[in-house]
Protein backbone atom coordinates (compact mmCIF):
# COMPACT_ATOMS: atom_id res chain seq x y z
CA UNK A 1 0.45 9.93 3.23
CA UNK A 2 1.54 11.06 0.66
CA UNK A 3 4.73 8.89 0.76
CA UNK A 4 2.51 6.33 1.31
CA UNK A 5 0.37 7.37 -1.57
CA UNK A 6 3.39 8.27 -4.35
CA UNK A 7 4.73 4.92 -3.47
CA UNK A 8 1.98 2.83 -4.67
CA UNK A 9 1.78 5.34 -7.37
CA UNK A 10 4.14 4.98 -8.93
CA UNK A 11 5.09 1.24 -7.85
CA UNK A 12 1.60 0.65 -10.11
CA UNK A 13 1.88 3.26 -13.18
CA UNK A 14 4.16 3.13 -16.36
CA UNK A 15 5.09 6.25 -16.17
CA UNK A 16 6.51 7.32 -12.47
CA UNK A 17 8.29 9.83 -13.42
CA UNK A 18 4.71 12.08 -14.55
CA UNK A 19 3.04 11.75 -11.16
CA UNK A 20 2.64 14.81 -9.91
CA UNK A 21 0.10 14.49 -6.19
CA UNK A 22 -0.73 17.87 -4.90
CA UNK A 23 -2.23 18.44 -1.84
CA UNK A 24 -4.62 20.35 0.14
CA UNK A 25 -5.03 20.55 4.23
CA UNK A 26 -8.06 21.87 5.79
CA UNK A 27 -8.53 21.64 9.48
CA UNK A 28 -11.00 18.96 9.06
CA UNK A 29 -10.31 17.65 5.36
CA UNK A 30 -6.82 16.44 3.68
CA UNK A 31 -8.00 15.97 -0.47
CA UNK A 32 -5.14 14.96 -3.29
CA UNK A 33 -4.73 15.41 -6.90
CA UNK A 34 -3.02 13.65 -8.76
CA UNK A 35 -2.10 13.42 -12.23
CA UNK A 36 -0.91 11.26 -13.81
CA UNK A 37 -1.27 10.33 -17.97
CA UNK A 38 -4.06 8.99 -19.21
CA UNK A 39 -2.87 5.37 -20.98
CA UNK A 40 -1.91 5.07 -16.81
CA UNK A 41 -5.27 5.06 -15.34
CA UNK A 42 -6.98 1.63 -15.85
CA UNK A 43 -3.97 1.28 -13.74
CA UNK A 44 -4.17 3.07 -11.06
CA UNK A 45 -8.44 2.72 -11.29
CA UNK A 46 -8.80 -0.95 -11.40
CA UNK A 47 -10.42 -3.59 -12.62
CA UNK A 48 -14.45 -1.91 -11.94
CA UNK A 49 -12.67 0.54 -9.71
CA UNK A 50 -11.14 -1.68 -7.17
CA UNK A 51 -7.47 0.01 -6.58
CA UNK A 52 -8.93 3.29 -6.22
CA UNK A 53 -11.13 2.80 -3.79
CA UNK A 54 -8.94 0.02 -1.61
CA UNK A 55 -6.28 3.54 -1.83
CA UNK A 56 -9.02 5.58 -0.63
CA UNK A 57 -9.72 2.53 2.40
CA UNK A 58 -6.50 3.57 3.33
CA UNK A 59 -5.90 7.03 3.02
CA UNK A 60 -9.76 7.35 5.41
CA UNK A 61 -8.23 4.41 8.38
CA UNK A 62 -4.72 6.44 8.29
CA UNK A 63 -6.81 10.10 8.45
CA UNK A 64 -9.37 8.78 11.11
CA UNK A 65 -6.93 8.18 13.56
CA UNK A 66 -6.38 11.45 12.95
CA UNK A 67 -9.90 12.84 13.63
CA UNK A 68 -9.93 13.97 9.58
CA UNK A 69 -11.56 13.07 6.13
CA UNK A 70 -8.93 12.02 3.38
CA UNK A 71 -10.17 12.20 -0.43
CA UNK A 72 -7.74 11.03 -3.71
CA UNK A 73 -8.52 13.17 -7.16
CA UNK A 74 -6.73 11.42 -10.40
CA UNK A 75 -6.57 13.13 -13.10
CA UNK A 76 -5.70 12.34 -15.98
CA UNK A 77 -3.24 13.88 -18.62
């Protein structure tokens, strides 16, 4: 899941070298905290939040195969 997330986010931002993904795993949950440059945030969020919503949906679909929940949070730097 982390590789997928890194691939997608670095593909759409202007400064892919500044993307930092921190993963926290618990028995029933996995959390991703993605730090990006604030000028790249609108690209990741998308119009009306459509892009970030789609990423969260795909992460949860992948996580549900393992019977866990996935969360994704953006941190603007």
